[in-house]
Amino acid sequence: MARDAITAINRGYDTLKVKVGVNPQLDVERLTAIRNAIGIRAKLRIDANQAWKPQEAVRILNKMQEQGLDIELVEQPVIAHDIEGLKYVTERSYIPVLADESVFSPLDAMKIIQTGAADLINIKLMKCGGITPALKIADAASIMGVECMLGCMLEAKVSVNAAVHVACARSIITKIDLDGPVLCSEDPIIGGSVFNEKDITVSKEPGLGIKGIEKITYLD
């Protein structure tokens, strides 16, 4: 993991996200190895994928910060439906909490925001149902001053390209996690945003800028 982190830094990345949650002690050791390898050259985010109980999450997260790991944020530390548990962690953790699986709809987002259950909201088009609900979530968060991240699943370029446009459309979206196209071995999509490692360039073409897919014949 330390070697992979160094490789990512050498490729130009300045933010790394690490999956955690199965073995807390080993998680701390892994993150320590990564932090020691990269120093302060990159931010570290962690994603627990609902792995912890609330009290356990607070203990683990605060231990990480006390050991100087300097974690930027933790994504979904507790099970999605446990909003009270999420709030418990948010109120006691040294590390900012990002709600992911807890937010599928604008209504979910409003509940999280109004109760102060998380510090940030993660918006994914595949999770909330598309561009319009994503913008509604961002607008609700903007009213309350809650920053958002625009994320993606393991998706190819067409849908992630749409997410890029949403991220550009709202200033409350201050973070992105749109690495799906970079993880694909092939890119048959013609047009659209250009994904070059961490740098994403939006197309100047109308709409989403997608012109076609290689080896597919279109009929007029």
N, C-alpha and C. Protein backbone atom coordinates (compact mmCIF):
# COMPACT_ATOMS: atom_id res chain seq x y z
N MET A 1 0.82 -1.20 0.00
CA MET A 1 0.00 0.00 0.00
C MET A 1 0.86 1.26 0.00
N ALA A 2 1.95 1.22 0.72
CA ALA A 2 2.89 2.35 0.72
C ALA A 2 3.48 2.55 -0.67
N ARG A 3 3.84 1.44 -1.33
CA ARG A 3 4.39 1.53 -2.68
C ARG A 3 3.35 2.08 -3.65
N ASP A 4 2.11 1.60 -3.52
CA ASP A 4 1.04 2.10 -4.39
C ASP A 4 0.81 3.60 -4.17
N ALA A 5 0.91 4.03 -2.92
CA ALA A 5 0.72 5.45 -2.60
C ALA A 5 1.80 6.30 -3.26
N ILE A 6 3.04 5.83 -3.19
CA ILE A 6 4.14 6.56 -3.82
C ILE A 6 3.95 6.62 -5.33
N THR A 7 3.50 5.50 -5.92
CA THR A 7 3.23 5.46 -7.35
C THR A 7 2.17 6.48 -7.73
N ALA A 8 1.11 6.57 -6.92
CA ALA A 8 0.04 7.54 -7.19
C ALA A 8 0.57 8.97 -7.10
N ILE A 9 1.39 9.24 -6.12
CA ILE A 9 1.98 10.58 -5.99
C ILE A 9 2.82 10.91 -7.21
N ASN A 10 3.60 9.94 -7.67
CA ASN A 10 4.45 10.16 -8.84
C ASN A 10 3.62 10.37 -10.11
N ARG A 11 2.39 9.86 -10.11
CA ARG A 11 1.49 10.07 -11.25
C ARG A 11 0.74 11.40 -11.15
N GLY A 12 0.98 12.14 -10.08
CA GLY A 12 0.41 13.47 -9.97
C GLY A 12 -0.74 13.63 -9.02
N TYR A 13 -1.17 12.55 -8.36
CA TYR A 13 -2.30 12.65 -7.43
C TYR A 13 -1.88 13.34 -6.14
N ASP A 14 -2.78 14.18 -5.61
CA ASP A 14 -2.49 14.88 -4.36
C ASP A 14 -3.51 14.54 -3.26
N THR A 15 -4.41 13.60 -3.55
CA THR A 15 -5.37 13.11 -2.56
C THR A 15 -5.53 11.60 -2.76
N LEU A 16 -5.40 10.84 -1.67
CA LEU A 16 -5.54 9.39 -1.75
C LEU A 16 -6.67 8.94 -0.83
N LYS A 17 -7.50 8.01 -1.32
CA LYS A 17 -8.55 7.44 -0.48
C LYS A 17 -8.24 5.98 -0.20
N VAL A 18 -8.30 5.62 1.07
CA VAL A 18 -7.95 4.27 1.50
C VAL A 18 -9.16 3.61 2.14
N LYS A 19 -9.46 2.39 1.71
CA LYS A 19 -10.55 1.62 2.31
C LYS A 19 -10.09 1.05 3.65
N VAL A 20 -10.93 1.17 4.67
CA VAL A 20 -10.62 0.66 6.00
C VAL A 20 -11.85 -0.06 6.55
N GLY A 21 -11.71 -0.66 7.77
CA GLY A 21 -12.89 -1.17 8.45
C GLY A 21 -12.86 -2.61 8.90
N VAL A 22 -12.06 -3.48 8.25
CA VAL A 22 -12.07 -4.89 8.61
C VAL A 22 -11.25 -5.16 9.87
N ASN A 23 -10.06 -4.58 9.96
CA ASN A 23 -9.15 -4.80 11.08
C ASN A 23 -8.59 -3.45 11.53
N PRO A 24 -9.18 -2.83 12.55
CA PRO A 24 -8.78 -1.49 12.96
C PRO A 24 -7.29 -1.34 13.26
N GLN A 25 -6.70 -2.31 13.95
CA GLN A 25 -5.28 -2.21 14.27
C GLN A 25 -4.43 -2.23 13.00
N LEU A 26 -4.79 -3.13 12.08
CA LEU A 26 -4.06 -3.20 10.82
C LEU A 26 -4.31 -1.96 9.97
N ASP A 27 -5.52 -1.39 10.05
CA ASP A 27 -5.82 -0.16 9.34
C ASP A 27 -4.87 0.96 9.78
N VAL A 28 -4.68 1.09 11.08
CA VAL A 28 -3.78 2.13 11.60
C VAL A 28 -2.36 1.88 11.12
N GLU A 29 -1.93 0.63 11.12
CA GLU A 29 -0.58 0.30 10.67
C GLU A 29 -0.41 0.62 9.18
N ARG A 30 -1.42 0.28 8.40
CA ARG A 30 -1.36 0.57 6.96
C ARG A 30 -1.32 2.07 6.69
N LEU A 31 -2.20 2.80 7.35
CA LEU A 31 -2.23 4.25 7.15
C LEU A 31 -0.94 4.90 7.63
N THR A 32 -0.37 4.37 8.70
CA THR A 32 0.92 4.89 9.19
C THR A 32 2.00 4.66 8.15
N ALA A 33 2.01 3.47 7.55
CA ALA A 33 2.99 3.17 6.51
C ALA A 33 2.84 4.11 5.31
N ILE A 34 1.57 4.36 4.94
CA ILE A 34 1.32 5.26 3.81
C ILE A 34 1.76 6.68 4.14
N ARG A 35 1.38 7.16 5.32
CA ARG A 35 1.74 8.53 5.71
C ARG A 35 3.25 8.69 5.79
N ASN A 36 3.93 7.69 6.34
CA ASN A 36 5.39 7.76 6.43
C ASN A 36 6.02 7.77 5.04
N ALA A 37 5.39 7.07 4.11
CA ALA A 37 5.95 6.98 2.75
C ALA A 37 5.76 8.27 1.96
N ILE A 38 4.61 8.91 2.13
CA ILE A 38 4.30 10.08 1.30
C ILE A 38 4.52 11.40 2.02
N GLY A 39 4.69 11.37 3.33
CA GLY A 39 4.87 12.60 4.08
C GLY A 39 3.64 13.48 3.96
N ILE A 40 3.86 14.75 3.68
CA ILE A 40 2.75 15.71 3.58
C ILE A 40 2.42 16.02 2.12
N ARG A 41 2.89 15.17 1.21
CA ARG A 41 2.68 15.45 -0.22
C ARG A 41 1.25 15.21 -0.69
N ALA A 42 0.44 14.55 0.11
CA ALA A 42 -0.94 14.29 -0.31
C ALA A 42 -1.86 14.22 0.90
N LYS A 43 -3.14 14.52 0.64
CA LYS A 43 -4.16 14.36 1.66
C LYS A 43 -4.58 12.89 1.70
N LEU A 44 -4.99 12.43 2.88
CA LEU A 44 -5.48 11.07 3.05
C LEU A 44 -6.95 11.10 3.45
N ARG A 45 -7.77 10.39 2.70
CA ARG A 45 -9.17 10.19 3.06
C ARG A 45 -9.36 8.71 3.31
N ILE A 46 -10.29 8.35 4.19
CA ILE A 46 -10.57 6.94 4.44
C ILE A 46 -12.06 6.66 4.26
N ASP A 47 -12.36 5.45 3.83
CA ASP A 47 -13.75 5.03 3.61
C ASP A 47 -13.99 3.74 4.38
N ALA A 48 -14.82 3.82 5.42
CA ALA A 48 -15.08 2.65 6.26
C ALA A 48 -16.21 1.78 5.73
N ASN A 49 -16.98 2.27 4.76
CA ASN A 49 -18.06 1.48 4.17
C ASN A 49 -18.98 0.84 5.21
N GLN A 50 -19.39 1.64 6.21
CA GLN A 50 -20.38 1.22 7.23
C GLN A 50 -19.86 0.16 8.19
N ALA A 51 -18.55 0.06 8.37
CA ALA A 51 -17.96 -1.09 9.07
C ALA A 51 -18.05 -1.03 10.59
N TRP A 52 -18.19 0.16 11.19
CA TRP A 52 -18.01 0.28 12.64
C TRP A 52 -19.30 0.58 13.38
N LYS A 53 -19.30 0.28 14.66
CA LYS A 53 -20.31 0.77 15.58
C LYS A 53 -19.92 2.19 15.97
N PRO A 54 -20.88 3.02 16.37
CA PRO A 54 -20.56 4.43 16.66
C PRO A 54 -19.42 4.64 17.65
N GLN A 55 -19.49 4.01 18.82
CA GLN A 55 -18.43 4.21 19.82
C GLN A 55 -17.08 3.69 19.32
N GLU A 56 -17.12 2.59 18.61
CA GLU A 56 -15.90 2.03 18.04
C GLU A 56 -15.30 2.99 17.02
N ALA A 57 -16.16 3.59 16.21
CA ALA A 57 -15.68 4.53 15.19
C ALA A 57 -14.96 5.71 15.82
N VAL A 58 -15.55 6.27 16.87
CA VAL A 58 -14.93 7.42 17.54
C VAL A 58 -13.57 7.04 18.10
N ARG A 59 -13.50 5.88 18.72
CA ARG A 59 -12.23 5.43 19.31
C ARG A 59 -11.16 5.25 18.23
N ILE A 60 -11.52 4.61 17.13
CA ILE A 60 -10.55 4.36 16.06
C ILE A 60 -10.12 5.65 15.39
N LEU A 61 -11.08 6.49 15.06
CA LEU A 61 -10.77 7.73 14.34
C LEU A 61 -9.90 8.67 15.17
N ASN A 62 -10.24 8.81 16.44
CA ASN A 62 -9.45 9.70 17.29
C ASN A 62 -8.05 9.15 17.52
N LYS A 63 -7.93 7.83 17.58
CA LYS A 63 -6.60 7.22 17.69
C LYS A 63 -5.77 7.54 16.46
N MET A 64 -6.38 7.49 15.29
CA MET A 64 -5.67 7.81 14.06
C MET A 64 -5.13 9.23 14.08
N GLN A 65 -5.95 10.17 14.52
CA GLN A 65 -5.50 11.55 14.57
C GLN A 65 -4.46 11.78 15.65
N GLU A 66 -4.63 11.12 16.78
CA GLU A 66 -3.66 11.26 17.86
C GLU A 66 -2.28 10.74 17.46
N GLN A 67 -2.25 9.81 16.50
CA GLN A 67 -0.98 9.28 16.01
C GLN A 67 -0.43 10.09 14.84
N GLY A 68 -1.07 11.22 14.56
CA GLY A 68 -0.54 12.13 13.56
C GLY A 68 -0.77 11.73 12.12
N LEU A 69 -1.82 10.94 11.85
CA LEU A 69 -2.06 10.49 10.49
C LEU A 69 -2.69 11.58 9.61
N ASP A 70 -3.24 12.60 10.23
CA ASP A 70 -3.78 13.76 9.51
C ASP A 70 -4.77 13.33 8.42
N ILE A 71 -5.85 12.69 8.83
CA ILE A 71 -6.88 12.22 7.91
C ILE A 71 -7.81 13.39 7.57
N GLU A 72 -8.05 13.61 6.28
CA GLU A 72 -8.88 14.73 5.85
C GLU A 72 -10.35 14.50 6.19
N LEU A 73 -10.85 13.28 5.94
CA LEU A 73 -12.25 12.95 6.23
C LEU A 73 -12.43 11.44 6.27
N VAL A 74 -13.52 11.01 6.89
CA VAL A 74 -13.89 9.59 6.90
C VAL A 74 -15.26 9.45 6.26
N GLU A 75 -15.36 8.51 5.35
CA GLU A 75 -16.60 8.28 4.61
C GLU A 75 -17.41 7.15 5.26
N GLN A 76 -18.64 7.44 5.58
CA GLN A 76 -19.62 6.49 6.10
C GLN A 76 -19.05 5.51 7.14
N PRO A 77 -18.74 5.99 8.34
CA PRO A 77 -18.15 5.12 9.36
C PRO A 77 -19.12 4.10 9.96
N VAL A 78 -20.43 4.39 9.94
CA VAL A 78 -21.41 3.48 10.55
C VAL A 78 -22.45 3.06 9.52
N ILE A 79 -23.26 2.07 9.88
CA ILE A 79 -24.27 1.54 8.97
C ILE A 79 -25.23 2.65 8.52
N ALA A 80 -25.67 2.56 7.27
CA ALA A 80 -26.38 3.66 6.62
C ALA A 80 -27.61 4.16 7.36
N HIS A 81 -28.42 3.24 7.90
CA HIS A 81 -29.69 3.66 8.51
C HIS A 81 -29.53 4.21 9.92
N ASP A 82 -28.34 4.10 10.49
CA ASP A 82 -28.12 4.57 11.86
C ASP A 82 -27.73 6.05 11.86
N ILE A 83 -28.72 6.90 11.65
CA ILE A 83 -28.46 8.34 11.59
C ILE A 83 -28.03 8.89 12.95
N GLU A 84 -28.64 8.37 14.02
CA GLU A 84 -28.23 8.80 15.36
C GLU A 84 -26.78 8.40 15.63
N GLY A 85 -26.41 7.18 15.18
CA GLY A 85 -25.03 6.74 15.35
C GLY A 85 -24.07 7.59 14.55
N LEU A 86 -24.49 7.97 13.35
CA LEU A 86 -23.66 8.84 12.51
C LEU A 86 -23.45 10.19 13.18
N LYS A 87 -24.52 10.73 13.75
CA LYS A 87 -24.43 12.00 14.47
C LYS A 87 -23.51 11.87 15.68
N TYR A 88 -23.61 10.74 16.39
CA TYR A 88 -22.75 10.49 17.55
C TYR A 88 -21.28 10.59 17.15
N VAL A 89 -20.93 9.97 16.02
CA VAL A 89 -19.55 10.00 15.55
C VAL A 89 -19.15 11.41 15.14
N THR A 90 -20.02 12.08 14.41
CA THR A 90 -19.73 13.43 13.92
C THR A 90 -19.45 14.39 15.07
N GLU A 91 -20.21 14.25 16.15
CA GLU A 91 -20.05 15.16 17.29
C GLU A 91 -18.79 14.88 18.11
N ARG A 92 -18.20 13.69 17.95
CA ARG A 92 -17.10 13.30 18.83
C ARG A 92 -15.79 13.00 18.10
N SER A 93 -15.83 12.95 16.80
CA SER A 93 -14.64 12.58 16.04
C SER A 93 -13.77 13.80 15.72
N TYR A 94 -12.46 13.62 15.81
CA TYR A 94 -11.52 14.65 15.38
C TYR A 94 -11.54 14.79 13.85
N ILE A 95 -11.99 13.73 13.17
CA ILE A 95 -11.96 13.68 11.72
C ILE A 95 -13.36 14.02 11.17
N PRO A 96 -13.47 14.94 10.21
CA PRO A 96 -14.77 15.25 9.62
C PRO A 96 -15.42 14.01 9.01
N VAL A 97 -16.75 13.93 9.12
CA VAL A 97 -17.51 12.76 8.68
C VAL A 97 -18.28 13.09 7.40
N LEU A 98 -18.13 12.22 6.40
CA LEU A 98 -18.83 12.35 5.13
C LEU A 98 -19.91 11.28 5.04
N ALA A 99 -21.16 11.69 4.87
CA ALA A 99 -22.27 10.74 4.73
C ALA A 99 -22.36 10.29 3.28
N ASP A 100 -22.33 8.98 3.05
CA ASP A 100 -22.42 8.44 1.69
C ASP A 100 -23.65 7.56 1.55
N GLU A 101 -23.58 6.32 2.00
CA GLU A 101 -24.72 5.41 1.86
C GLU A 101 -25.96 5.88 2.63
N SER A 102 -25.79 6.80 3.55
CA SER A 102 -26.94 7.35 4.28
C SER A 102 -27.75 8.33 3.44
N VAL A 103 -27.22 8.73 2.29
CA VAL A 103 -27.89 9.75 1.47
C VAL A 103 -28.15 9.22 0.07
N PHE A 104 -29.40 8.82 -0.18
CA PHE A 104 -29.82 8.38 -1.51
C PHE A 104 -30.69 9.42 -2.20
N SER A 105 -31.33 10.28 -1.44
CA SER A 105 -32.31 11.20 -2.00
C SER A 105 -32.15 12.59 -1.38
N PRO A 106 -32.78 13.60 -2.00
CA PRO A 106 -32.78 14.93 -1.38
C PRO A 106 -33.38 14.91 0.03
N LEU A 107 -34.40 14.07 0.24
CA LEU A 107 -35.01 13.96 1.57
C LEU A 107 -34.00 13.40 2.58
N ASP A 108 -33.24 12.39 2.17
CA ASP A 108 -32.18 11.86 3.05
C ASP A 108 -31.18 12.96 3.40
N ALA A 109 -30.80 13.71 2.39
CA ALA A 109 -29.82 14.77 2.61
C ALA A 109 -30.34 15.80 3.60
N MET A 110 -31.62 16.19 3.46
CA MET A 110 -32.20 17.16 4.37
C MET A 110 -32.19 16.65 5.80
N LYS A 111 -32.48 15.36 5.98
CA LYS A 111 -32.48 14.79 7.33
C LYS A 111 -31.08 14.85 7.94
N ILE A 112 -30.08 14.49 7.15
CA ILE A 112 -28.70 14.54 7.63
C ILE A 112 -28.30 15.97 7.98
N ILE A 113 -28.64 16.89 7.10
CA ILE A 113 -28.25 18.29 7.28
C ILE A 113 -28.95 18.91 8.49
N GLN A 114 -30.26 18.70 8.59
CA GLN A 114 -31.05 19.32 9.66
C GLN A 114 -30.69 18.79 11.04
N THR A 115 -30.28 17.52 11.12
CA THR A 115 -29.91 16.94 12.41
C THR A 115 -28.43 17.08 12.72
N GLY A 116 -27.66 17.59 11.78
CA GLY A 116 -26.22 17.72 11.99
C GLY A 116 -25.53 16.38 12.11
N ALA A 117 -26.04 15.38 11.37
CA ALA A 117 -25.52 14.02 11.50
C ALA A 117 -24.21 13.79 10.77
N ALA A 118 -23.82 14.71 9.90
CA ALA A 118 -22.55 14.57 9.19
C ALA A 118 -22.01 15.96 8.86
N ASP A 119 -20.71 16.02 8.63
CA ASP A 119 -20.07 17.30 8.28
C ASP A 119 -20.18 17.58 6.79
N LEU A 120 -20.22 16.52 5.97
CA LEU A 120 -20.26 16.66 4.53
C LEU A 120 -21.20 15.61 3.93
N ILE A 121 -21.63 15.86 2.69
CA ILE A 121 -22.53 14.96 1.98
C ILE A 121 -21.85 14.47 0.70
N ASN A 122 -21.93 13.16 0.45
CA ASN A 122 -21.40 12.60 -0.79
C ASN A 122 -22.54 12.36 -1.77
N ILE A 123 -22.48 13.00 -2.93
CA ILE A 123 -23.50 12.87 -3.96
C ILE A 123 -22.98 11.96 -5.06
N LYS A 124 -23.79 10.97 -5.44
CA LYS A 124 -23.46 10.10 -6.57
C LYS A 124 -24.69 10.00 -7.47
N LEU A 125 -24.50 10.20 -8.76
CA LEU A 125 -25.64 10.14 -9.67
C LEU A 125 -26.29 8.77 -9.67
N MET A 126 -25.49 7.71 -9.60
CA MET A 126 -26.03 6.36 -9.62
C MET A 126 -26.79 6.03 -8.33
N LYS A 127 -26.54 6.80 -7.31
CA LYS A 127 -27.18 6.56 -6.01
C LYS A 127 -28.46 7.37 -5.87
N CYS A 128 -28.42 8.63 -6.31
CA CYS A 128 -29.59 9.50 -6.09
C CYS A 128 -30.57 9.48 -7.25
N GLY A 129 -30.14 8.97 -8.42
CA GLY A 129 -31.08 8.85 -9.52
C GLY A 129 -30.88 9.80 -10.67
N GLY A 130 -29.74 10.49 -10.73
CA GLY A 130 -29.48 11.33 -11.88
C GLY A 130 -29.14 12.77 -11.54
N ILE A 131 -29.07 13.57 -12.59
CA ILE A 131 -28.60 14.95 -12.47
C ILE A 131 -29.56 15.81 -11.64
N THR A 132 -30.86 15.73 -11.91
CA THR A 132 -31.82 16.60 -11.22
C THR A 132 -31.83 16.37 -9.70
N PRO A 133 -31.93 15.12 -9.21
CA PRO A 133 -31.87 14.91 -7.76
C PRO A 133 -30.52 15.34 -7.17
N ALA A 134 -29.45 15.14 -7.93
CA ALA A 134 -28.12 15.54 -7.45
C ALA A 134 -28.06 17.04 -7.22
N LEU A 135 -28.62 17.80 -8.15
CA LEU A 135 -28.64 19.26 -8.00
C LEU A 135 -29.52 19.68 -6.83
N LYS A 136 -30.62 18.95 -6.60
CA LYS A 136 -31.49 19.26 -5.46
C LYS A 136 -30.73 19.05 -4.14
N ILE A 137 -29.97 17.96 -4.07
CA ILE A 137 -29.17 17.70 -2.86
C ILE A 137 -28.16 18.81 -2.65
N ALA A 138 -27.47 19.19 -3.73
CA ALA A 138 -26.46 20.24 -3.64
C ALA A 138 -27.08 21.57 -3.21
N ASP A 139 -28.25 21.88 -3.74
CA ASP A 139 -28.91 23.14 -3.40
C ASP A 139 -29.36 23.15 -1.94
N ALA A 140 -29.86 22.01 -1.46
CA ALA A 140 -30.26 21.92 -0.05
C ALA A 140 -29.04 22.10 0.85
N ALA A 141 -27.95 21.48 0.47
CA ALA A 141 -26.72 21.60 1.26
C ALA A 141 -26.18 23.02 1.23
N SER A 142 -26.33 23.67 0.09
CA SER A 142 -25.83 25.04 -0.04
C SER A 142 -26.56 26.00 0.89
N ILE A 143 -27.87 25.80 1.04
CA ILE A 143 -28.66 26.67 1.92
C ILE A 143 -28.12 26.60 3.35
N MET A 144 -27.71 25.41 3.76
CA MET A 144 -27.25 25.20 5.13
C MET A 144 -25.73 25.28 5.27
N GLY A 145 -25.04 25.54 4.15
CA GLY A 145 -23.59 25.68 4.20
C GLY A 145 -22.85 24.38 4.45
N VAL A 146 -23.43 23.26 4.01
CA VAL A 146 -22.79 21.95 4.18
C VAL A 146 -22.12 21.56 2.86
N GLU A 147 -20.81 21.46 2.87
CA GLU A 147 -20.07 21.15 1.64
C GLU A 147 -20.34 19.73 1.18
N CYS A 148 -20.22 19.53 -0.13
CA CYS A 148 -20.49 18.23 -0.73
C CYS A 148 -19.29 17.71 -1.51
N MET A 149 -19.28 16.40 -1.68
CA MET A 149 -18.33 15.75 -2.58
C MET A 149 -19.14 15.08 -3.68
N LEU A 150 -18.65 15.12 -4.92
CA LEU A 150 -19.30 14.43 -6.01
C LEU A 150 -18.50 13.16 -6.27
N GLY A 151 -19.13 12.01 -6.01
CA GLY A 151 -18.44 10.74 -6.16
C GLY A 151 -19.03 9.91 -7.28
N CYS A 152 -18.50 8.70 -7.46
CA CYS A 152 -19.01 7.80 -8.48
C CYS A 152 -18.83 6.35 -8.01
N MET A 153 -19.50 5.46 -8.70
CA MET A 153 -19.29 4.03 -8.48
C MET A 153 -18.15 3.59 -9.41
N LEU A 154 -18.04 2.27 -9.67
CA LEU A 154 -17.12 1.80 -10.69
C LEU A 154 -17.81 1.97 -12.04
N GLU A 155 -17.77 3.19 -12.54
CA GLU A 155 -18.49 3.56 -13.75
C GLU A 155 -17.53 3.94 -14.86
N ALA A 156 -18.01 3.83 -16.09
CA ALA A 156 -17.23 4.28 -17.23
C ALA A 156 -17.53 5.76 -17.51
N LYS A 157 -17.08 6.22 -18.65
CA LYS A 157 -16.98 7.66 -18.89
C LYS A 157 -18.31 8.39 -19.03
N VAL A 158 -19.33 7.78 -19.63
CA VAL A 158 -20.56 8.53 -19.93
C VAL A 158 -21.20 9.10 -18.66
N SER A 159 -21.45 8.24 -17.67
CA SER A 159 -22.11 8.70 -16.46
C SER A 159 -21.20 9.57 -15.59
N VAL A 160 -19.92 9.24 -15.54
CA VAL A 160 -19.00 10.06 -14.75
C VAL A 160 -18.82 11.43 -15.40
N ASN A 161 -18.89 11.47 -16.72
CA ASN A 161 -18.85 12.73 -17.44
C ASN A 161 -20.01 13.64 -17.02
N ALA A 162 -21.19 13.03 -16.83
CA ALA A 162 -22.34 13.80 -16.35
C ALA A 162 -22.09 14.33 -14.94
N ALA A 163 -21.44 13.50 -14.10
CA ALA A 163 -21.12 13.93 -12.74
C ALA A 163 -20.15 15.11 -12.74
N VAL A 164 -19.23 15.12 -13.69
CA VAL A 164 -18.29 16.25 -13.81
C VAL A 164 -19.06 17.55 -14.03
N HIS A 165 -20.07 17.50 -14.89
CA HIS A 165 -20.86 18.70 -15.17
C HIS A 165 -21.61 19.17 -13.93
N VAL A 166 -22.14 18.22 -13.16
CA VAL A 166 -22.82 18.58 -11.92
C VAL A 166 -21.84 19.24 -10.95
N ALA A 167 -20.65 18.68 -10.85
CA ALA A 167 -19.64 19.24 -9.94
C ALA A 167 -19.28 20.67 -10.33
N CYS A 168 -19.26 20.93 -11.63
CA CYS A 168 -18.93 22.29 -12.10
C CYS A 168 -20.08 23.27 -11.91
N ALA A 169 -21.28 22.73 -11.73
CA ALA A 169 -22.47 23.58 -11.69
C ALA A 169 -22.78 24.17 -10.32
N ARG A 170 -22.19 23.61 -9.26
CA ARG A 170 -22.51 24.07 -7.92
C ARG A 170 -21.24 24.27 -7.09
N SER A 171 -21.06 25.48 -6.55
CA SER A 171 -19.85 25.79 -5.79
C SER A 171 -19.81 25.09 -4.45
N ILE A 172 -20.97 24.62 -3.94
CA ILE A 172 -20.99 23.90 -2.66
C ILE A 172 -20.31 22.54 -2.80
N ILE A 173 -20.14 22.06 -4.05
CA ILE A 173 -19.40 20.82 -4.29
C ILE A 173 -17.92 21.17 -4.34
N THR A 174 -17.24 20.94 -3.24
CA THR A 174 -15.86 21.38 -3.09
C THR A 174 -14.84 20.24 -3.26
N LYS A 175 -15.34 19.00 -3.35
CA LYS A 175 -14.46 17.85 -3.50
C LYS A 175 -15.04 16.91 -4.55
N ILE A 176 -14.15 16.21 -5.25
CA ILE A 176 -14.63 15.21 -6.21
C ILE A 176 -13.89 13.90 -6.00
N ASP A 177 -14.58 12.81 -6.34
CA ASP A 177 -13.98 11.47 -6.30
C ASP A 177 -14.48 10.76 -7.55
N LEU A 178 -13.98 11.21 -8.70
CA LEU A 178 -14.49 10.78 -9.99
C LEU A 178 -13.41 10.04 -10.78
N ASP A 179 -12.91 8.96 -10.19
CA ASP A 179 -11.78 8.24 -10.79
C ASP A 179 -12.20 7.06 -11.66
N GLY A 180 -13.51 6.84 -11.83
CA GLY A 180 -13.99 5.68 -12.57
C GLY A 180 -13.34 5.49 -13.94
N PRO A 181 -13.35 6.52 -14.80
CA PRO A 181 -12.77 6.35 -16.13
C PRO A 181 -11.27 6.04 -16.12
N VAL A 182 -10.55 6.56 -15.13
CA VAL A 182 -9.11 6.30 -15.06
C VAL A 182 -8.84 4.84 -14.74
N LEU A 183 -9.78 4.18 -14.07
CA LEU A 183 -9.62 2.78 -13.70
C LEU A 183 -9.98 1.82 -14.83
N CYS A 184 -10.58 2.35 -15.90
CA CYS A 184 -10.97 1.50 -17.03
C CYS A 184 -9.78 1.26 -17.96
N SER A 185 -9.64 0.03 -18.46
CA SER A 185 -8.52 -0.28 -19.35
C SER A 185 -8.73 0.28 -20.75
N GLU A 186 -9.99 0.53 -21.14
CA GLU A 186 -10.28 1.08 -22.46
C GLU A 186 -11.28 2.22 -22.34
N ASP A 187 -11.22 3.14 -23.30
CA ASP A 187 -12.15 4.26 -23.34
C ASP A 187 -12.70 4.38 -24.76
N PRO A 188 -13.82 3.73 -25.05
CA PRO A 188 -14.38 3.78 -26.40
C PRO A 188 -15.28 4.99 -26.66
N ILE A 189 -15.40 5.87 -25.66
CA ILE A 189 -16.32 7.01 -25.77
C ILE A 189 -15.66 8.13 -26.56
N ILE A 190 -16.38 8.64 -27.55
CA ILE A 190 -15.89 9.74 -28.37
C ILE A 190 -16.46 11.04 -27.83
N GLY A 191 -15.58 11.95 -27.46
CA GLY A 191 -16.01 13.24 -26.94
C GLY A 191 -16.22 13.20 -25.43
N GLY A 192 -16.75 14.29 -24.91
CA GLY A 192 -16.95 14.38 -23.46
C GLY A 192 -15.73 14.87 -22.73
N SER A 193 -15.81 14.87 -21.43
CA SER A 193 -14.69 15.33 -20.60
C SER A 193 -13.47 14.43 -20.81
N VAL A 194 -12.32 15.02 -20.64
CA VAL A 194 -11.06 14.28 -20.76
C VAL A 194 -10.55 13.96 -19.36
N PHE A 195 -10.32 12.68 -19.07
CA PHE A 195 -9.84 12.24 -17.77
C PHE A 195 -8.36 11.88 -17.90
N ASN A 196 -7.51 12.74 -17.40
CA ASN A 196 -6.06 12.52 -17.46
C ASN A 196 -5.52 12.45 -16.04
N GLU A 197 -5.49 11.22 -15.48
CA GLU A 197 -5.13 11.02 -14.08
C GLU A 197 -6.04 11.90 -13.22
N LYS A 198 -5.48 12.78 -12.39
CA LYS A 198 -6.34 13.57 -11.51
C LYS A 198 -6.95 14.79 -12.20
N ASP A 199 -6.46 15.12 -13.37
CA ASP A 199 -6.93 16.32 -14.07
C ASP A 199 -8.09 15.97 -14.99
N ILE A 200 -9.20 16.69 -14.84
CA ILE A 200 -10.38 16.47 -15.66
C ILE A 200 -10.69 17.77 -16.40
N THR A 201 -10.78 17.68 -17.72
CA THR A 201 -11.07 18.84 -18.55
C THR A 201 -12.45 18.68 -19.17
N VAL A 202 -13.31 19.66 -18.96
CA VAL A 202 -14.68 19.59 -19.46
C VAL A 202 -14.71 19.97 -20.94
N SER A 203 -15.49 19.22 -21.71
CA SER A 203 -15.64 19.49 -23.14
C SER A 203 -16.36 20.82 -23.37
N LYS A 204 -16.01 21.48 -24.47
CA LYS A 204 -16.68 22.71 -24.85
C LYS A 204 -17.83 22.46 -25.82
N GLU A 205 -18.07 21.20 -26.14
CA GLU A 205 -19.17 20.83 -27.05
C GLU A 205 -20.52 21.00 -26.35
N PRO A 206 -21.61 21.09 -27.11
CA PRO A 206 -22.95 21.23 -26.51
C PRO A 206 -23.30 20.04 -25.62
N GLY A 207 -24.14 20.27 -24.63
CA GLY A 207 -24.58 19.20 -23.74
C GLY A 207 -23.42 18.59 -22.98
N LEU A 208 -23.41 17.27 -22.91
CA LEU A 208 -22.33 16.58 -22.21
C LEU A 208 -21.11 16.36 -23.10
N GLY A 209 -21.26 16.69 -24.38
CA GLY A 209 -20.12 16.59 -25.29
C GLY A 209 -19.86 15.20 -25.84
N ILE A 210 -20.70 14.22 -25.51
CA ILE A 210 -20.52 12.86 -26.00
C ILE A 210 -21.00 12.79 -27.45
N LYS A 211 -20.12 12.32 -28.34
CA LYS A 211 -20.45 12.25 -29.77
C LYS A 211 -20.76 10.83 -30.25
N GLY A 212 -20.30 9.83 -29.51
CA GLY A 212 -20.54 8.47 -29.95
C GLY A 212 -19.69 7.48 -29.20
N ILE A 213 -19.82 6.22 -29.60
CA ILE A 213 -19.03 5.14 -29.01
C ILE A 213 -18.39 4.36 -30.15
N GLU A 214 -17.11 4.13 -30.04
CA GLU A 214 -16.38 3.44 -31.10
C GLU A 214 -16.99 2.08 -31.41
N LYS A 215 -16.98 1.72 -32.71
CA LYS A 215 -17.43 0.41 -33.21
C LYS A 215 -18.93 0.20 -33.06
N ILE A 216 -19.67 1.28 -32.81
CA ILE A 216 -21.13 1.19 -32.78
C ILE A 216 -21.67 2.04 -33.92
N THR A 217 -22.53 1.47 -34.76
CA THR A 217 -23.10 2.18 -35.90
C THR A 217 -24.43 2.81 -35.50
N TYR A 218 -24.55 4.09 -35.81
CA TYR A 218 -25.78 4.81 -35.47
C TYR A 218 -26.61 5.02 -36.73
N LEU A 219 -27.91 4.79 -36.66
CA LEU A 219 -28.79 4.97 -37.78
C LEU A 219 -29.53 6.31 -37.67
N ASP A 220 -29.63 7.02 -38.78
CA ASP A 220 -30.36 8.29 -38.79
C ASP A 220 -31.87 8.05 -38.69
